PDB file of all heavy atoms in Angstrom:
ATOM      1  N   THR A   1       0.827  -1.209   0.000  1.00  0.00           N
ATOM      2  CA  THR A   1       0.000   0.000   0.000  1.00  0.00           C
ATOM      3  C   THR A   1       0.862   1.260   0.000  1.00  0.00           C
ATOM      4  O   THR A   1       0.582   2.229  -0.718  1.00  0.00           O
ATOM      5  CB  THR A   1      -0.920  -0.011   1.232  1.00  0.00           C
ATOM      6  OG1 THR A   1      -1.737  -1.185   1.199  1.00  0.00           O
ATOM      7  CG2 THR A   1      -1.815   1.213   1.263  1.00  0.00           C
ATOM      8  N   TYR A   2       1.919   1.261   0.823  1.00  0.00           N
ATOM      9  CA  TYR A   2       2.829   2.419   0.843  1.00  0.00           C
ATOM     10  C   TYR A   2       3.497   2.609  -0.517  1.00  0.00           C
ATOM     11  O   TYR A   2       3.620   3.745  -1.011  1.00  0.00           O
ATOM     12  CB  TYR A   2       3.878   2.210   1.923  1.00  0.00           C
ATOM     13  CG  TYR A   2       4.886   3.333   2.012  1.00  0.00           C
ATOM     14  CD1 TYR A   2       4.548   4.554   2.595  1.00  0.00           C
ATOM     15  CD2 TYR A   2       6.170   3.167   1.509  1.00  0.00           C
ATOM     16  CE1 TYR A   2       5.473   5.589   2.657  1.00  0.00           C
ATOM     17  CE2 TYR A   2       7.101   4.194   1.573  1.00  0.00           C
ATOM     18  CZ  TYR A   2       6.752   5.406   2.151  1.00  0.00           C
ATOM     19  OH  TYR A   2       7.665   6.423   2.208  1.00  0.00           O
ATOM     20  N   THR A   3       3.916   1.504  -1.121  1.00  0.00           N
ATOM     21  CA  THR A   3       4.530   1.597  -2.450  1.00  0.00           C
ATOM     22  C   THR A   3       3.542   2.160  -3.472  1.00  0.00           C
ATOM     23  O   THR A   3       3.900   3.029  -4.291  1.00  0.00           O
ATOM     24  CB  THR A   3       5.021   0.211  -2.897  1.00  0.00           C
ATOM     25  OG1 THR A   3       5.953  -0.280  -1.948  1.00  0.00           O
ATOM     26  CG2 THR A   3       5.664   0.277  -4.270  1.00  0.00           C
ATOM     27  N   ASN A   4       2.313   1.687  -3.416  1.00  0.00           N
ATOM     28  CA  ASN A   4       1.313   2.181  -4.363  1.00  0.00           C
ATOM     29  C   ASN A   4       0.985   3.653  -4.151  1.00  0.00           C
ATOM     30  O   ASN A   4       0.477   4.308  -5.067  1.00  0.00           O
ATOM     31  CB  ASN A   4       0.034   1.344  -4.241  1.00  0.00           C
ATOM     32  CG  ASN A   4       0.240  -0.100  -4.642  1.00  0.00           C
ATOM     33  OD1 ASN A   4       1.144  -0.419  -5.423  1.00  0.00           O
ATOM     34  ND2 ASN A   4      -0.577  -0.992  -4.112  1.00  0.00           N
ATOM     35  N   THR A   5       1.269   4.184  -2.948  1.00  0.00           N
ATOM     36  CA  THR A   5       1.005   5.591  -2.690  1.00  0.00           C
ATOM     37  C   THR A   5       2.192   6.472  -3.065  1.00  0.00           C
ATOM     38  O   THR A   5       2.032   7.542  -3.677  1.00  0.00           O
ATOM     39  CB  THR A   5       0.651   5.787  -1.203  1.00  0.00           C
ATOM     40  OG1 THR A   5      -0.470   4.970  -0.878  1.00  0.00           O
ATOM     41  CG2 THR A   5       0.319   7.233  -0.909  1.00  0.00           C
ATOM     42  N   VAL A   6       3.409   6.047  -2.680  1.00  0.00           N
ATOM     43  CA  VAL A   6       4.591   6.889  -2.868  1.00  0.00           C
ATOM     44  C   VAL A   6       5.041   6.914  -4.321  1.00  0.00           C
ATOM     45  O   VAL A   6       5.372   7.983  -4.867  1.00  0.00           O
ATOM     46  CB  VAL A   6       5.725   6.398  -1.942  1.00  0.00           C
ATOM     47  CG1 VAL A   6       7.019   7.142  -2.245  1.00  0.00           C
ATOM     48  CG2 VAL A   6       5.332   6.603  -0.494  1.00  0.00           C
ATOM     49  N   VAL A   7       5.070   5.771  -4.959  1.00  0.00           N
ATOM     50  CA  VAL A   7       5.590   5.707  -6.333  1.00  0.00           C
ATOM     51  C   VAL A   7       4.771   6.572  -7.294  1.00  0.00           C
ATOM     52  O   VAL A   7       5.341   7.352  -8.065  1.00  0.00           O
ATOM     53  CB  VAL A   7       5.650   4.236  -6.796  1.00  0.00           C
ATOM     54  CG1 VAL A   7       5.987   4.155  -8.272  1.00  0.00           C
ATOM     55  CG2 VAL A   7       6.693   3.483  -5.988  1.00  0.00           C
ATOM     56  N   PRO A   8       3.428   6.518  -7.291  1.00  0.00           N
ATOM     57  CA  PRO A   8       2.690   7.409  -8.197  1.00  0.00           C
ATOM     58  C   PRO A   8       2.924   8.890  -7.906  1.00  0.00           C
ATOM     59  O   PRO A   8       3.000   9.704  -8.828  1.00  0.00           O
ATOM     60  CB  PRO A   8       1.227   7.018  -7.962  1.00  0.00           C
ATOM     61  CG  PRO A   8       1.283   5.620  -7.473  1.00  0.00           C
ATOM     62  CD  PRO A   8       2.511   5.552  -6.652  1.00  0.00           C
ATOM     63  N   GLU A   9       3.050   9.252  -6.595  1.00  0.00           N
ATOM     64  CA  GLU A   9       3.321  10.655  -6.291  1.00  0.00           C
ATOM     65  C   GLU A   9       4.681  11.080  -6.826  1.00  0.00           C
ATOM     66  O   GLU A   9       4.830  12.183  -7.390  1.00  0.00           O
ATOM     67  CB  GLU A   9       3.265  10.864  -4.774  1.00  0.00           C
ATOM     68  CG  GLU A   9       1.868  10.719  -4.191  1.00  0.00           C
ATOM     69  CD  GLU A   9       1.846  10.940  -2.688  1.00  0.00           C
ATOM     70  OE1 GLU A   9       2.953  11.115  -2.123  1.00  0.00           O
ATOM     71  OE2 GLU A   9       0.754  10.939  -2.091  1.00  0.00           O
ATOM     72  N   ALA A  10       5.707  10.238  -6.642  1.00  0.00           N
ATOM     73  CA  ALA A  10       7.032  10.566  -7.171  1.00  0.00           C
ATOM     74  C   ALA A  10       7.016  10.662  -8.688  1.00  0.00           C
ATOM     75  O   ALA A  10       7.626  11.571  -9.279  1.00  0.00           O
ATOM     76  CB  ALA A  10       8.041   9.518  -6.710  1.00  0.00           C
ATOM     77  N   LYS A  11       6.314   9.753  -9.322  1.00  0.00           N
ATOM     78  CA  LYS A  11       6.215   9.824 -10.791  1.00  0.00           C
ATOM     79  C   LYS A  11       5.489  11.093 -11.235  1.00  0.00           C
ATOM     80  O   LYS A  11       5.851  11.710 -12.238  1.00  0.00           O
ATOM     81  CB  LYS A  11       5.493   8.590 -11.314  1.00  0.00           C
ATOM     82  CG  LYS A  11       6.293   7.296 -11.186  1.00  0.00           C
ATOM     83  CD  LYS A  11       5.540   6.109 -11.766  1.00  0.00           C
ATOM     84  CE  LYS A  11       6.354   4.830 -11.667  1.00  0.00           C
ATOM     85  NZ  LYS A  11       5.620   3.653 -12.218  1.00  0.00           N
ATOM     86  N   GLY A  12       4.463  11.488 -10.469  1.00  0.00           N
ATOM     87  CA  GLY A  12       3.750  12.720 -10.823  1.00  0.00           C
ATOM     88  C   GLY A  12       4.632  13.952 -10.681  1.00  0.00           C
ATOM     89  O   GLY A  12       4.632  14.836 -11.560  1.00  0.00           O
ATOM     90  N   ARG A  13       5.395  14.032  -9.573  1.00  0.00           N
ATOM     91  CA  ARG A  13       6.306  15.174  -9.412  1.00  0.00           C
ATOM     92  C   ARG A  13       7.384  15.175 -10.486  1.00  0.00           C
ATOM     93  O   ARG A  13       7.757  16.245 -11.011  1.00  0.00           O
ATOM     94  CB  ARG A  13       6.938  15.118  -8.027  1.00  0.00           C
ATOM     95  CG  ARG A  13       5.961  15.424  -6.889  1.00  0.00           C
ATOM     96  CD  ARG A  13       6.700  15.742  -5.603  1.00  0.00           C
ATOM     97  NE  ARG A  13       7.482  14.606  -5.152  1.00  0.00           N
ATOM     98  CZ  ARG A  13       7.036  13.668  -4.318  1.00  0.00           C
ATOM     99  NH1 ARG A  13       5.790  13.748  -3.859  1.00  0.00           N
ATOM    100  NH2 ARG A  13       7.816  12.673  -3.941  1.00  0.00           N
ATOM    101  N   SER A  14       7.911  14.009 -10.801  1.00  0.00           N
ATOM    102  CA  SER A  14       8.916  13.928 -11.852  1.00  0.00           C
ATOM    103  C   SER A  14       8.366  14.399 -13.193  1.00  0.00           C
ATOM    104  O   SER A  14       9.010  15.170 -13.923  1.00  0.00           O
ATOM    105  CB  SER A  14       9.438  12.497 -11.967  1.00  0.00           C
ATOM    106  OG  SER A  14      10.335  12.360 -13.053  1.00  0.00           O
ATOM    107  N   ALA A  15       7.147  13.956 -13.509  1.00  0.00           N
ATOM    108  CA  ALA A  15       6.551  14.402 -14.777  1.00  0.00           C
ATOM    109  C   ALA A  15       6.304  15.909 -14.769  1.00  0.00           C
ATOM    110  O   ALA A  15       6.478  16.593 -15.797  1.00  0.00           O
ATOM    111  CB  ALA A  15       5.244  13.646 -15.002  1.00  0.00           C
ATOM    112  N   GLN A  16       5.907  16.464 -13.596  1.00  0.00           N
ATOM    113  CA  GLN A  16       5.673  17.902 -13.515  1.00  0.00           C
ATOM    114  C   GLN A  16       6.960  18.684 -13.750  1.00  0.00           C
ATOM    115  O   GLN A  16       6.980  19.687 -14.479  1.00  0.00           O
ATOM    116  CB  GLN A  16       5.084  18.238 -12.145  1.00  0.00           C
ATOM    117  CG  GLN A  16       4.758  19.705 -11.953  1.00  0.00           C
ATOM    118  CD  GLN A  16       4.198  19.987 -10.575  1.00  0.00           C
ATOM    119  OE1 GLN A  16       4.111  19.077  -9.750  1.00  0.00           O
ATOM    120  NE2 GLN A  16       3.833  21.226 -10.325  1.00  0.00           N
ATOM    121  N   ILE A  17       8.055  18.224 -13.115  1.00  0.00           N
ATOM    122  CA  ILE A  17       9.347  18.905 -13.312  1.00  0.00           C
ATOM    123  C   ILE A  17       9.790  18.826 -14.764  1.00  0.00           C
ATOM    124  O   ILE A  17      10.272  19.810 -15.357  1.00  0.00           O
ATOM    125  CB  ILE A  17      10.394  18.294 -12.362  1.00  0.00           C
ATOM    126  CG1 ILE A  17      10.020  18.584 -10.901  1.00  0.00           C
ATOM    127  CG2 ILE A  17      11.782  18.825 -12.674  1.00  0.00           C
ATOM    128  CD1 ILE A  17      10.904  17.882  -9.900  1.00  0.00           C
ATOM    129  N   LEU A  18       9.636  17.657 -15.367  1.00  0.00           N
ATOM    130  CA  LEU A  18      10.034  17.514 -16.770  1.00  0.00           C
ATOM    131  C   LEU A  18       9.202  18.409 -17.682  1.00  0.00           C
ATOM    132  O   LEU A  18       9.740  19.037 -18.619  1.00  0.00           O
ATOM    133  CB  LEU A  18       9.889  16.043 -17.187  1.00  0.00           C
ATOM    134  CG  LEU A  18      10.876  15.051 -16.557  1.00  0.00           C
ATOM    135  CD1 LEU A  18      10.554  13.635 -16.998  1.00  0.00           C
ATOM    136  CD2 LEU A  18      12.309  15.408 -16.941  1.00  0.00           C
ATOM    137  N   GLN A  19       7.902  18.488 -17.411  1.00  0.00           N
ATOM    138  CA  GLN A  19       7.068  19.360 -18.245  1.00  0.00           C
ATOM    139  C   GLN A  19       7.422  20.831 -18.064  1.00  0.00           C
ATOM    140  O   GLN A  19       7.433  21.606 -19.034  1.00  0.00           O
ATOM    141  CB  GLN A  19       5.599  19.118 -17.896  1.00  0.00           C
ATOM    142  CG  GLN A  19       5.085  17.751 -18.324  1.00  0.00           C
ATOM    143  CD  GLN A  19       3.656  17.529 -17.904  1.00  0.00           C
ATOM    144  OE1 GLN A  19       3.047  18.381 -17.278  1.00  0.00           O
ATOM    145  NE2 GLN A  19       3.128  16.355 -18.242  1.00  0.00           N
ATOM    146  N   ALA A  20       7.729  21.250 -16.801  1.00  0.00           N
ATOM    147  CA  ALA A  20       8.136  22.641 -16.577  1.00  0.00           C
ATOM    148  C   ALA A  20       9.452  22.957 -17.288  1.00  0.00           C
ATOM    149  O   ALA A  20       9.613  24.026 -17.899  1.00  0.00           O
ATOM    150  CB  ALA A  20       8.263  22.901 -15.078  1.00  0.00           C
ATOM    151  N   ALA A  21      10.411  22.009 -17.198  1.00  0.00           N
ATOM    152  CA  ALA A  21      11.690  22.224 -17.888  1.00  0.00           C
ATOM    153  C   ALA A  21      11.498  22.269 -19.400  1.00  0.00           C
ATOM    154  O   ALA A  21      12.122  23.092 -20.102  1.00  0.00           O
ATOM    155  CB  ALA A  21      12.668  21.102 -17.512  1.00  0.00           C
ATOM    156  N   GLU A  22      10.639  21.420 -19.901  1.00  0.00           N
ATOM    157  CA  GLU A  22      10.381  21.430 -21.339  1.00  0.00           C
ATOM    158  C   GLU A  22       9.749  22.751 -21.769  1.00  0.00           C
ATOM    159  O   GLU A  22      10.107  23.328 -22.820  1.00  0.00           O
ATOM    160  CB  GLU A  22       9.466  20.258 -21.703  1.00  0.00           C
ATOM    161  CG  GLU A  22       9.224  20.087 -23.193  1.00  0.00           C
ATOM    162  CD  GLU A  22      10.460  19.684 -23.961  1.00  0.00           C
ATOM    163  OE1 GLU A  22      11.369  19.105 -23.340  1.00  0.00           O
ATOM    164  OE2 GLU A  22      10.520  19.969 -25.179  1.00  0.00           O
ATOM    165  N   GLY A  23       8.803  23.252 -20.925  1.00  0.00           N
ATOM    166  CA  GLY A  23       8.190  24.547 -21.249  1.00  0.00           C
ATOM    167  C   GLY A  23       9.195  25.684 -21.204  1.00  0.00           C
ATOM    168  O   GLY A  23       9.180  26.582 -22.072  1.00  0.00           O
ATOM    169  N   TYR A  24      10.072  25.677 -20.169  1.00  0.00           N
ATOM    170  CA  TYR A  24      11.085  26.731 -20.080  1.00  0.00           C
ATOM    171  C   TYR A  24      12.039  26.668 -21.268  1.00  0.00           C
ATOM    172  O   TYR A  24      12.427  27.692 -21.832  1.00  0.00           O
ATOM    173  CB  TYR A  24      11.852  26.586 -18.771  1.00  0.00           C
ATOM    174  CG  TYR A  24      12.985  27.564 -18.623  1.00  0.00           C
ATOM    175  CD1 TYR A  24      12.746  28.913 -18.323  1.00  0.00           C
ATOM    176  CD2 TYR A  24      14.306  27.152 -18.787  1.00  0.00           C
ATOM    177  CE1 TYR A  24      13.782  29.815 -18.204  1.00  0.00           C
ATOM    178  CE2 TYR A  24      15.348  28.053 -18.665  1.00  0.00           C
ATOM    179  CZ  TYR A  24      15.090  29.382 -18.371  1.00  0.00           C
ATOM    180  OH  TYR A  24      16.124  30.279 -18.253  1.00  0.00           O
ATOM    181  N   ARG A  25      12.444  25.470 -21.645  1.00  0.00           N
ATOM    182  CA  ARG A  25      13.341  25.333 -22.792  1.00  0.00           C
ATOM    183  C   ARG A  25      12.688  25.871 -24.061  1.00  0.00           C
ATOM    184  O   ARG A  25      13.298  26.624 -24.838  1.00  0.00           O
ATOM    185  CB  ARG A  25      13.731  23.865 -22.975  1.00  0.00           C
ATOM    186  CG  ARG A  25      14.706  23.616 -24.124  1.00  0.00           C
ATOM    187  CD  ARG A  25      14.979  22.132 -24.274  1.00  0.00           C
ATOM    188  NE  ARG A  25      13.812  21.441 -24.752  1.00  0.00           N
ATOM    189  CZ  ARG A  25      13.482  21.333 -26.062  1.00  0.00           C
ATOM    190  NH1 ARG A  25      14.258  21.891 -26.983  1.00  0.00           N
ATOM    191  NH2 ARG A  25      12.398  20.684 -26.411  1.00  0.00           N
ATOM    192  N   SER A  26      11.427  25.495 -24.280  1.00  0.00           N
ATOM    193  CA  SER A  26      10.742  25.962 -25.488  1.00  0.00           C
ATOM    194  C   SER A  26      10.609  27.479 -25.482  1.00  0.00           C
ATOM    195  O   SER A  26      10.795  28.146 -26.521  1.00  0.00           O
ATOM    196  CB  SER A  26       9.358  25.302 -25.570  1.00  0.00           C
ATOM    197  OG  SER A  26       9.476  23.897 -25.620  1.00  0.00           O
ATOM    198  N   GLN A  27      10.290  28.061 -24.290  1.00  0.00           N
ATOM    199  CA  GLN A  27      10.143  29.508 -24.205  1.00  0.00           C
ATOM    200  C   GLN A  27      11.465  30.221 -24.479  1.00  0.00           C
ATOM    201  O   GLN A  27      11.524  31.215 -25.220  1.00  0.00           O
ATOM    202  CB  GLN A  27       9.616  29.881 -22.827  1.00  0.00           C
ATOM    203  CG  GLN A  27       9.427  31.382 -22.630  1.00  0.00           C
ATOM    204  CD  GLN A  27       8.960  31.710 -21.232  1.00  0.00           C
ATOM    205  OE1 GLN A  27       8.740  30.814 -20.425  1.00  0.00           O
ATOM    206  NE2 GLN A  27       8.818  32.998 -20.937  1.00  0.00           N
ATOM    207  N   THR A  28      12.556  29.708 -23.855  1.00  0.00           N
ATOM    208  CA  THR A  28      13.870  30.340 -24.041  1.00  0.00           C
ATOM    209  C   THR A  28      14.327  30.267 -25.491  1.00  0.00           C
ATOM    210  O   THR A  28      14.833  31.249 -26.074  1.00  0.00           O
ATOM    211  CB  THR A  28      14.898  29.660 -23.125  1.00  0.00           C
ATOM    212  OG1 THR A  28      14.448  29.733 -21.774  1.00  0.00           O
ATOM    213  CG2 THR A  28      16.254  30.335 -23.233  1.00  0.00           C
ATOM    214  N   VAL A  29      14.156  29.102 -26.095  1.00  0.00           N
ATOM    215  CA  VAL A  29      14.560  28.947 -27.500  1.00  0.00           C
ATOM    216  C   VAL A  29      13.739  29.866 -28.397  1.00  0.00           C
ATOM    217  O   VAL A  29      14.267  30.505 -29.346  1.00  0.00           O
ATOM    218  CB  VAL A  29      14.416  27.478 -27.918  1.00  0.00           C
ATOM    219  CG1 VAL A  29      14.606  27.321 -29.421  1.00  0.00           C
ATOM    220  CG2 VAL A  29      15.422  26.610 -27.180  1.00  0.00           C
ATOM    221  N   ALA A  30      12.418  29.958 -28.106  1.00  0.00           N
ATOM    222  CA  ALA A  30      11.583  30.835 -28.939  1.00  0.00           C
ATOM    223  C   ALA A  30      11.980  32.300 -28.788  1.00  0.00           C
ATOM    224  O   ALA A  30      12.047  33.047 -29.784  1.00  0.00           O
ATOM    225  CB  ALA A  30      10.116  30.637 -28.551  1.00  0.00           C
ATOM    226  N   GLU A  31      12.276  32.727 -27.531  1.00  0.00           N
ATOM    227  CA  GLU A  31      12.698  34.115 -27.339  1.00  0.00           C
ATOM    228  C   GLU A  31      14.038  34.385 -28.024  1.00  0.00           C
ATOM    229  O   GLU A  31      14.232  35.433 -28.660  1.00  0.00           O
ATOM    230  CB  GLU A  31      12.802  34.415 -25.844  1.00  0.00           C
ATOM    231  CG  GLU A  31      11.449  34.476 -25.154  1.00  0.00           C
ATOM    232  CD  GLU A  31      11.584  34.726 -23.669  1.00  0.00           C
ATOM    233  OE1 GLU A  31      12.747  34.745 -23.190  1.00  0.00           O
ATOM    234  OE2 GLU A  31      10.557  34.894 -22.980  1.00  0.00           O
ATOM    235  N   ALA A  32      14.976  33.468 -27.873  1.00  0.00           N
ATOM    236  CA  ALA A  32      16.276  33.655 -28.524  1.00  0.00           C
ATOM    237  C   ALA A  32      16.140  33.703 -30.049  1.00  0.00           C
ATOM    238  O   ALA A  32      16.781  34.527 -30.736  1.00  0.00           O
ATOM    239  CB  ALA A  32      17.229  32.534 -28.116  1.00  0.00           C
ATOM    240  N   THR A  33      15.269  32.829 -30.562  1.00  0.00           N
ATOM    241  CA  THR A  33      15.045  32.821 -32.019  1.00  0.00           C
ATOM    242  C   THR A  33      14.432  34.150 -32.472  1.00  0.00           C
ATOM    243  O   THR A  33      14.812  34.718 -33.514  1.00  0.00           O
ATOM    244  CB  THR A  33      14.139  31.652 -32.395  1.00  0.00           C
ATOM    245  OG1 THR A  33      14.737  30.423 -31.950  1.00  0.00           O
ATOM    246  CG2 THR A  33      13.939  31.582 -33.898  1.00  0.00           C
ATOM    247  N   GLY A  34      13.469  34.649 -31.672  1.00  0.00           N
ATOM    248  CA  GLY A  34      12.843  35.928 -32.037  1.00  0.00           C
ATOM    249  C   GLY A  34      13.822  37.087 -31.967  1.00  0.00           C
ATOM    250  O   GLY A  34      13.833  37.965 -32.855  1.00  0.00           O
ATOM    251  N   GLN A  35      14.674  37.141 -30.927  1.00  0.00           N
ATOM    252  CA  GLN A  35      15.661  38.198 -30.817  1.00  0.00           C
ATOM    253  C   GLN A  35      16.683  38.132 -31.950  1.00  0.00           C
ATOM    254  O   GLN A  35      17.112  39.167 -32.503  1.00  0.00           O
ATOM    255  CB  GLN A  35      16.367  38.105 -29.460  1.00  0.00           C
ATOM    256  CG  GLN A  35      15.453  38.446 -28.285  1.00  0.00           C
ATOM    257  CD  GLN A  35      16.145  38.259 -26.954  1.00  0.00           C
ATOM    258  OE1 GLN A  35      17.333  37.900 -26.918  1.00  0.00           O
ATOM    259  NE2 GLN A  35      15.403  38.506 -25.871  1.00  0.00           N
ATOM    260  N   THR A  36      17.067  36.926 -32.287  1.00  0.00           N
ATOM    261  CA  THR A  36      18.013  36.768 -33.395  1.00  0.00           C
ATOM    262  C   THR A  36      17.408  37.283 -34.702  1.00  0.00           C
ATOM    263  O   THR A  36      18.070  37.997 -35.492  1.00  0.00           O
ATOM    264  CB  THR A  36      18.413  35.297 -33.541  1.00  0.00           C
ATOM    265  OG1 THR A  36      18.983  34.850 -32.316  1.00  0.00           O
ATOM    266  CG2 THR A  36      19.409  35.112 -34.664  1.00  0.00           C
ATOM    267  N   SER A  37      16.143  36.916 -34.930  1.00  0.00           N
ATOM    268  CA  SER A  37      15.489  37.383 -36.151  1.00  0.00           C
ATOM    269  C   SER A  37      15.348  38.915 -36.168  1.00  0.00           C
ATOM    270  O   SER A  37      15.580  39.573 -37.187  1.00  0.00           O
ATOM    271  CB  SER A  37      14.112  36.722 -36.269  1.00  0.00           C
ATOM    272  OG  SER A  37      13.415  37.225 -37.396  1.00  0.00           O
ATOM    273  N   ARG A  38      15.022  39.500 -35.006  1.00  0.00           N
ATOM    274  CA  ARG A  38      14.902  40.958 -34.925  1.00  0.00           C
ATOM    275  C   ARG A  38      16.242  41.635 -35.168  1.00  0.00           C
ATOM    276  O   ARG A  38      16.336  42.649 -35.871  1.00  0.00           O
ATOM    277  CB  ARG A  38      14.358  41.319 -33.542  1.00  0.00           C
ATOM    278  CG  ARG A  38      14.206  42.815 -33.303  1.00  0.00           C
ATOM    279  CD  ARG A  38      13.531  43.052 -31.949  1.00  0.00           C
ATOM    280  NE  ARG A  38      13.477  44.455 -31.652  1.00  0.00           N
ATOM    281  CZ  ARG A  38      14.458  45.155 -31.047  1.00  0.00           C
ATOM    282  NH1 ARG A  38      15.559  44.493 -30.664  1.00  0.00           N
ATOM    283  NH2 ARG A  38      14.339  46.446 -30.795  1.00  0.00           N
ATOM    284  N   PHE A  39      17.316  41.068 -34.551  1.00  0.00           N
ATOM    285  CA  PHE A  39      18.643  41.646 -34.775  1.00  0.00           C
ATOM    286  C   PHE A  39      19.041  41.590 -36.249  1.00  0.00           C
ATOM    287  O   PHE A  39      19.615  42.548 -36.791  1.00  0.00           O
ATOM    288  CB  PHE A  39      19.663  40.909 -33.904  1.00  0.00           C
ATOM    289  CG  PHE A  39      21.052  41.435 -34.040  1.00  0.00           C
ATOM    290  CD1 PHE A  39      21.463  42.576 -33.348  1.00  0.00           C
ATOM    291  CD2 PHE A  39      21.971  40.792 -34.872  1.00  0.00           C
ATOM    292  CE1 PHE A  39      22.755  43.068 -33.505  1.00  0.00           C
ATOM    293  CE2 PHE A  39      23.259  41.291 -35.012  1.00  0.00           C
ATOM    294  CZ  PHE A  39      23.649  42.435 -34.326  1.00  0.00           C
ATOM    295  N   ASP A  40      18.754  40.465 -36.887  1.00  0.00           N
ATOM    296  CA  ASP A  40      19.087  40.359 -38.314  1.00  0.00           C
ATOM    297  C   ASP A  40      18.331  41.394 -39.139  1.00  0.00           C
ATOM    298  O   ASP A  40      18.893  42.010 -40.077  1.00  0.00           O
ATOM    299  CB  ASP A  40      18.774  38.954 -38.808  1.00  0.00           C
ATOM    300  CG  ASP A  40      19.715  37.914 -38.196  1.00  0.00           C
ATOM    301  OD1 ASP A  40      20.810  38.310 -37.743  1.00  0.00           O
ATOM    302  OD2 ASP A  40      19.330  36.710 -38.161  1.00  0.00           O
ATOM    303  N   GLN A  41      17.079  41.633 -38.825  1.00  0.00           N
ATOM    304  CA  GLN A  41      16.300  42.618 -39.567  1.00  0.00           C
ATOM    305  C   GLN A  41      16.830  44.047 -39.340  1.00  0.00           C
ATOM    306  O   GLN A  41      16.943  44.848 -40.294  1.00  0.00           O
ATOM    307  CB  GLN A  41      14.830  42.532 -39.155  1.00  0.00           C
ATOM    308  CG  GLN A  41      14.160  41.231 -39.568  1.00  0.00           C
ATOM    309  CD  GLN A  41      12.735  41.143 -39.071  1.00  0.00           C
ATOM    310  OE1 GLN A  41      12.240  42.090 -38.468  1.00  0.00           O
ATOM    311  NE2 GLN A  41      12.085  40.007 -39.324  1.00  0.00           N
TER     312      GLN A  41
END
């Protein structure tokens, strides 16, 4: 019972961290791409 409770919570937190990092990466890359395009123009 303890395993069934702790493991799903840990997996949920891990997935949340991965999704936040993925969102931050996408945002940073998009901003850098936009700034680069603006500088070129």
